[in-house]
Amino acid sequence: MKKNVTIGWTLRESARAKIKVMVKRILNKHGYLPDLQEEAVKTVLAQAELLCA
């Protein structure tokens, strides 16, 4: 994920969407339950924002 994060990714909706899709693909690949994915994506994005701050 670090490779795909750009400088203003938290501000640009298109960049955030790209990261969301990437996270969903990873979750699908590892068999994560579809009904829990949205909450997991929110958690991952929140953690990434904290790391970049």
PDB file of N, CA and C in Angstrom:
ATOM      1  N   MET A   1       0.820  -1.176   0.000  1.00  0.00           N
ATOM      2  CA  MET A   1       0.000   0.000   0.000  1.00  0.00           C
ATOM      3  C   MET A   1       0.868   1.244   0.000  1.00  0.00           C
ATOM      4  N   LYS A   2       2.001   1.183   0.664  1.00  0.00           N
ATOM      5  CA  LYS A   2       2.878   2.347   0.732  1.00  0.00           C
ATOM      6  C   LYS A   2       3.335   2.788  -0.658  1.00  0.00           C
ATOM      7  N   LYS A   3       3.481   1.834  -1.577  1.00  0.00           N
ATOM      8  CA  LYS A   3       3.929   2.161  -2.926  1.00  0.00           C
ATOM      9  C   LYS A   3       2.884   2.960  -3.695  1.00  0.00           C
ATOM     10  N   ASN A   4       1.599   2.775  -3.375  1.00  0.00           N
ATOM     11  CA  ASN A   4       0.518   3.399  -4.123  1.00  0.00           C
ATOM     12  C   ASN A   4      -0.007   4.683  -3.501  1.00  0.00           C
ATOM     13  N   VAL A   5       0.479   5.055  -2.342  1.00  0.00           N
ATOM     14  CA  VAL A   5       0.007   6.262  -1.668  1.00  0.00           C
ATOM     15  C   VAL A   5       0.778   7.462  -2.216  1.00  0.00           C
ATOM     16  N   THR A   6       0.025   8.464  -2.665  1.00  0.00           N
ATOM     17  CA  THR A   6       0.636   9.681  -3.167  1.00  0.00           C
ATOM     18  C   THR A   6       0.597  10.757  -2.084  1.00  0.00           C
ATOM     19  N   ILE A   7       1.163  11.899  -2.373  1.00  0.00           N
ATOM     20  CA  ILE A   7       1.268  12.971  -1.376  1.00  0.00           C
ATOM     21  C   ILE A   7      -0.104  13.442  -0.910  1.00  0.00           C
ATOM     22  N   GLY A   8      -1.020  13.727  -1.810  1.00  0.00           N
ATOM     23  CA  GLY A   8      -2.310  14.268  -1.425  1.00  0.00           C
ATOM     24  C   GLY A   8      -3.433  13.259  -1.479  1.00  0.00           C
ATOM     25  N   TRP A   9      -3.136  11.998  -1.200  1.00  0.00           N
ATOM     26  CA  TRP A   9      -4.151  10.957  -1.350  1.00  0.00           C
ATOM     27  C   TRP A   9      -5.306  11.136  -0.384  1.00  0.00           C
ATOM     28  N   THR A  10      -5.084  11.761   0.765  1.00  0.00           N
ATOM     29  CA  THR A  10      -6.171  11.940   1.728  1.00  0.00           C
ATOM     30  C   THR A  10      -7.140  13.016   1.281  1.00  0.00           C
ATOM     31  N   LEU A  11      -6.713  13.893   0.383  1.00  0.00           N
ATOM     32  CA  LEU A  11      -7.557  14.996  -0.072  1.00  0.00           C
ATOM     33  C   LEU A  11      -8.283  14.682  -1.373  1.00  0.00           C
ATOM     34  N   ARG A  12      -7.670  13.885  -2.232  1.00  0.00           N
ATOM     35  CA  ARG A  12      -8.259  13.585  -3.534  1.00  0.00           C
ATOM     36  C   ARG A  12      -9.124  12.338  -3.455  1.00  0.00           C
ATOM     37  N   GLU A  13     -10.368  12.464  -3.855  1.00  0.00           N
ATOM     38  CA  GLU A  13     -11.308  11.347  -3.788  1.00  0.00           C
ATOM     39  C   GLU A  13     -10.918  10.221  -4.749  1.00  0.00           C
ATOM     40  N   SER A  14     -10.359  10.568  -5.901  1.00  0.00           N
ATOM     41  CA  SER A  14      -9.965   9.528  -6.860  1.00  0.00           C
ATOM     42  C   SER A  14      -8.830   8.670  -6.297  1.00  0.00           C
ATOM     43  N   ALA A  15      -7.916   9.290  -5.584  1.00  0.00           N
ATOM     44  CA  ALA A  15      -6.812   8.539  -4.979  1.00  0.00           C
ATOM     45  C   ALA A  15      -7.323   7.647  -3.855  1.00  0.00           C
ATOM     46  N   ARG A  16      -8.274   8.160  -3.067  1.00  0.00           N
ATOM     47  CA  ARG A  16      -8.864   7.357  -1.988  1.00  0.00           C
ATOM     48  C   ARG A  16      -9.632   6.166  -2.569  1.00  0.00           C
ATOM     49  N   ALA A  17     -10.320   6.375  -3.670  1.00  0.00           N
ATOM     50  CA  ALA A  17     -11.065   5.296  -4.311  1.00  0.00           C
ATOM     51  C   ALA A  17     -10.111   4.201  -4.804  1.00  0.00           C
ATOM     52  N   LYS A  18      -8.989   4.605  -5.342  1.00  0.00           N
ATOM     53  CA  LYS A  18      -7.997   3.646  -5.826  1.00  0.00           C
ATOM     54  C   LYS A  18      -7.469   2.790  -4.668  1.00  0.00           C
ATOM     55  N   ILE A  19      -7.217   3.415  -3.531  1.00  0.00           N
ATOM     56  CA  ILE A  19      -6.737   2.693  -2.359  1.00  0.00           C
ATOM     57  C   ILE A  19      -7.823   1.743  -1.847  1.00  0.00           C
ATOM     58  N   LYS A  20      -9.086   2.200  -1.846  1.00  0.00           N
ATOM     59  CA  LYS A  20     -10.203   1.348  -1.405  1.00  0.00           C
ATOM     60  C   LYS A  20     -10.300   0.093  -2.256  1.00  0.00           C
ATOM     61  N   VAL A  21     -10.197   0.260  -3.564  1.00  0.00           N
ATOM     62  CA  VAL A  21     -10.277  -0.888  -4.478  1.00  0.00           C
ATOM     63  C   VAL A  21      -9.131  -1.853  -4.211  1.00  0.00           C
ATOM     64  N   MET A  22      -7.948  -1.314  -3.994  1.00  0.00           N
ATOM     65  CA  MET A  22      -6.784  -2.151  -3.722  1.00  0.00           C
ATOM     66  C   MET A  22      -6.990  -2.962  -2.433  1.00  0.00           C
ATOM     67  N   VAL A  23      -7.508  -2.310  -1.395  1.00  0.00           N
ATOM     68  CA  VAL A  23      -7.739  -3.000  -0.126  1.00  0.00           C
ATOM     69  C   VAL A  23      -8.810  -4.077  -0.288  1.00  0.00           C
ATOM     70  N   LYS A  24      -9.884  -3.769  -1.022  1.00  0.00           N
ATOM     71  CA  LYS A  24     -10.948  -4.758  -1.239  1.00  0.00           C
ATOM     72  C   LYS A  24     -10.425  -5.973  -1.997  1.00  0.00           C
ATOM     73  N   ARG A  25      -9.559  -5.758  -2.960  1.00  0.00           N
ATOM     74  CA  ARG A  25      -8.981  -6.878  -3.709  1.00  0.00           C
ATOM     75  C   ARG A  25      -8.136  -7.765  -2.803  1.00  0.00           C
ATOM     76  N   ILE A  26      -7.374  -7.138  -1.922  1.00  0.00           N
ATOM     77  CA  ILE A  26      -6.544  -7.904  -0.987  1.00  0.00           C
ATOM     78  C   ILE A  26      -7.433  -8.711  -0.041  1.00  0.00           C
ATOM     79  N   LEU A  27      -8.507  -8.088   0.450  1.00  0.00           N
ATOM     80  CA  LEU A  27      -9.418  -8.798   1.346  1.00  0.00           C
ATOM     81  C   LEU A  27     -10.075  -9.980   0.638  1.00  0.00           C
ATOM     82  N   ASN A  28     -10.496  -9.779  -0.610  1.00  0.00           N
ATOM     83  CA  ASN A  28     -11.097 -10.867  -1.383  1.00  0.00           C
ATOM     84  C   ASN A  28     -10.100 -12.001  -1.603  1.00  0.00           C
ATOM     85  N   LYS A  29      -8.881 -11.639  -1.896  1.00  0.00           N
ATOM     86  CA  LYS A  29      -7.836 -12.628  -2.160  1.00  0.00           C
ATOM     87  C   LYS A  29      -7.617 -13.541  -0.957  1.00  0.00           C
ATOM     88  N   HIS A  30      -7.734 -12.966   0.247  1.00  0.00           N
ATOM     89  CA  HIS A  30      -7.478 -13.730   1.462  1.00  0.00           C
ATOM     90  C   HIS A  30      -8.750 -14.272   2.109  1.00  0.00           C
ATOM     91  N   GLY A  31      -9.877 -14.211   1.384  1.00  0.00           N
ATOM     92  CA  GLY A  31     -11.107 -14.838   1.840  1.00  0.00           C
ATOM     93  C   GLY A  31     -11.845 -14.100   2.938  1.00  0.00           C
ATOM     94  N   TYR A  32     -11.689 -12.790   3.010  1.00  0.00           N
ATOM     95  CA  TYR A  32     -12.390 -12.004   4.017  1.00  0.00           C
ATOM     96  C   TYR A  32     -13.876 -11.961   3.684  1.00  0.00           C
ATOM     97  N   LEU A  33     -14.722 -12.047   4.679  1.00  0.00           N
ATOM     98  CA  LEU A  33     -16.168 -12.071   4.454  1.00  0.00           C
ATOM     99  C   LEU A  33     -16.659 -10.776   3.816  1.00  0.00           C
ATOM    100  N   PRO A  34     -17.460 -10.867   2.756  1.00  0.00           N
ATOM    101  CA  PRO A  34     -17.925  -9.676   2.037  1.00  0.00           C
ATOM    102  C   PRO A  34     -18.739  -8.710   2.890  1.00  0.00           C
ATOM    103  N   ASP A  35     -19.510  -9.222   3.830  1.00  0.00           N
ATOM    104  CA  ASP A  35     -20.336  -8.322   4.637  1.00  0.00           C
ATOM    105  C   ASP A  35     -19.525  -7.537   5.669  1.00  0.00           C
ATOM    106  N   LEU A  36     -18.306  -7.931   5.923  1.00  0.00           N
ATOM    107  CA  LEU A  36     -17.442  -7.226   6.866  1.00  0.00           C
ATOM    108  C   LEU A  36     -16.402  -6.351   6.177  1.00  0.00           C
ATOM    109  N   GLN A  37     -16.352  -6.399   4.851  1.00  0.00           N
ATOM    110  CA  GLN A  37     -15.307  -5.696   4.116  1.00  0.00           C
ATOM    111  C   GLN A  37     -15.364  -4.180   4.264  1.00  0.00           C
ATOM    112  N   GLU A  38     -16.553  -3.603   4.234  1.00  0.00           N
ATOM    113  CA  GLU A  38     -16.665  -2.143   4.264  1.00  0.00           C
ATOM    114  C   GLU A  38     -16.067  -1.573   5.551  1.00  0.00           C
ATOM    115  N   GLU A  39     -16.343  -2.220   6.662  1.00  0.00           N
ATOM    116  CA  GLU A  39     -15.789  -1.764   7.945  1.00  0.00           C
ATOM    117  C   GLU A  39     -14.272  -1.947   7.974  1.00  0.00           C
ATOM    118  N   ALA A  40     -13.800  -3.039   7.400  1.00  0.00           N
ATOM    119  CA  ALA A  40     -12.360  -3.289   7.345  1.00  0.00           C
ATOM    120  C   ALA A  40     -11.663  -2.249   6.478  1.00  0.00           C
ATOM    121  N   VAL A  41     -12.279  -1.871   5.368  1.00  0.00           N
ATOM    122  CA  VAL A  41     -11.698  -0.857   4.480  1.00  0.00           C
ATOM    123  C   VAL A  41     -11.616   0.476   5.219  1.00  0.00           C
ATOM    124  N   LYS A  42     -12.659   0.833   5.947  1.00  0.00           N
ATOM    125  CA  LYS A  42     -12.641   2.079   6.725  1.00  0.00           C
ATOM    126  C   LYS A  42     -11.523   2.060   7.758  1.00  0.00           C
ATOM    127  N   THR A  43     -11.346   0.931   8.402  1.00  0.00           N
ATOM    128  CA  THR A  43     -10.290   0.796   9.412  1.00  0.00           C
ATOM    129  C   THR A  43      -8.914   0.950   8.788  1.00  0.00           C
ATOM    130  N   VAL A  44      -8.705   0.304   7.653  1.00  0.00           N
ATOM    131  CA  VAL A  44      -7.402   0.381   6.977  1.00  0.00           C
ATOM    132  C   VAL A  44      -7.115   1.810   6.532  1.00  0.00           C
ATOM    133  N   LEU A  45      -8.108   2.499   5.973  1.00  0.00           N
ATOM    134  CA  LEU A  45      -7.910   3.885   5.551  1.00  0.00           C
ATOM    135  C   LEU A  45      -7.611   4.794   6.739  1.00  0.00           C
ATOM    136  N   ALA A  46      -8.285   4.573   7.852  1.00  0.00           N
ATOM    137  CA  ALA A  46      -8.037   5.381   9.051  1.00  0.00           C
ATOM    138  C   ALA A  46      -6.618   5.149   9.559  1.00  0.00           C
ATOM    139  N   GLN A  47      -6.170   3.912   9.547  1.00  0.00           N
ATOM    140  CA  GLN A  47      -4.815   3.606   9.982  1.00  0.00           C
ATOM    141  C   GLN A  47      -3.779   4.213   9.047  1.00  0.00           C
ATOM    142  N   ALA A  48      -4.048   4.174   7.755  1.00  0.00           N
ATOM    143  CA  ALA A  48      -3.126   4.755   6.786  1.00  0.00           C
ATOM    144  C   ALA A  48      -3.036   6.268   6.961  1.00  0.00           C
ATOM    145  N   GLU A  49      -4.165   6.916   7.239  1.00  0.00           N
ATOM    146  CA  GLU A  49      -4.152   8.356   7.468  1.00  0.00           C
ATOM    147  C   GLU A  49      -3.328   8.706   8.695  1.00  0.00           C
ATOM    148  N   LEU A  50      -3.433   7.899   9.749  1.00  0.00           N
ATOM    149  CA  LEU A  50      -2.646   8.148  10.947  1.00  0.00           C
ATOM    150  C   LEU A  50      -1.150   7.958  10.690  1.00  0.00           C
ATOM    151  N   LEU A  51      -0.798   6.962   9.891  1.00  0.00           N
ATOM    152  CA  LEU A  51       0.596   6.731   9.568  1.00  0.00           C
ATOM    153  C   LEU A  51       1.194   7.862   8.731  1.00  0.00           C
ATOM    154  N   CYS A  52       0.376   8.436   7.861  1.00  0.00           N
ATOM    155  CA  CYS A  52       0.864   9.497   6.967  1.00  0.00           C
ATOM    156  C   CYS A  52       0.872  10.875   7.638  1.00  0.00           C
ATOM    157  N   ALA A  53       0.186  10.995   8.749  1.00  0.00           N
ATOM    158  CA  ALA A  53       0.091  12.304   9.409  1.00  0.00           C
ATOM    159  C   ALA A  53       1.394  12.709  10.044  1.00  0.00           C
TER     160      ALA A  53
END
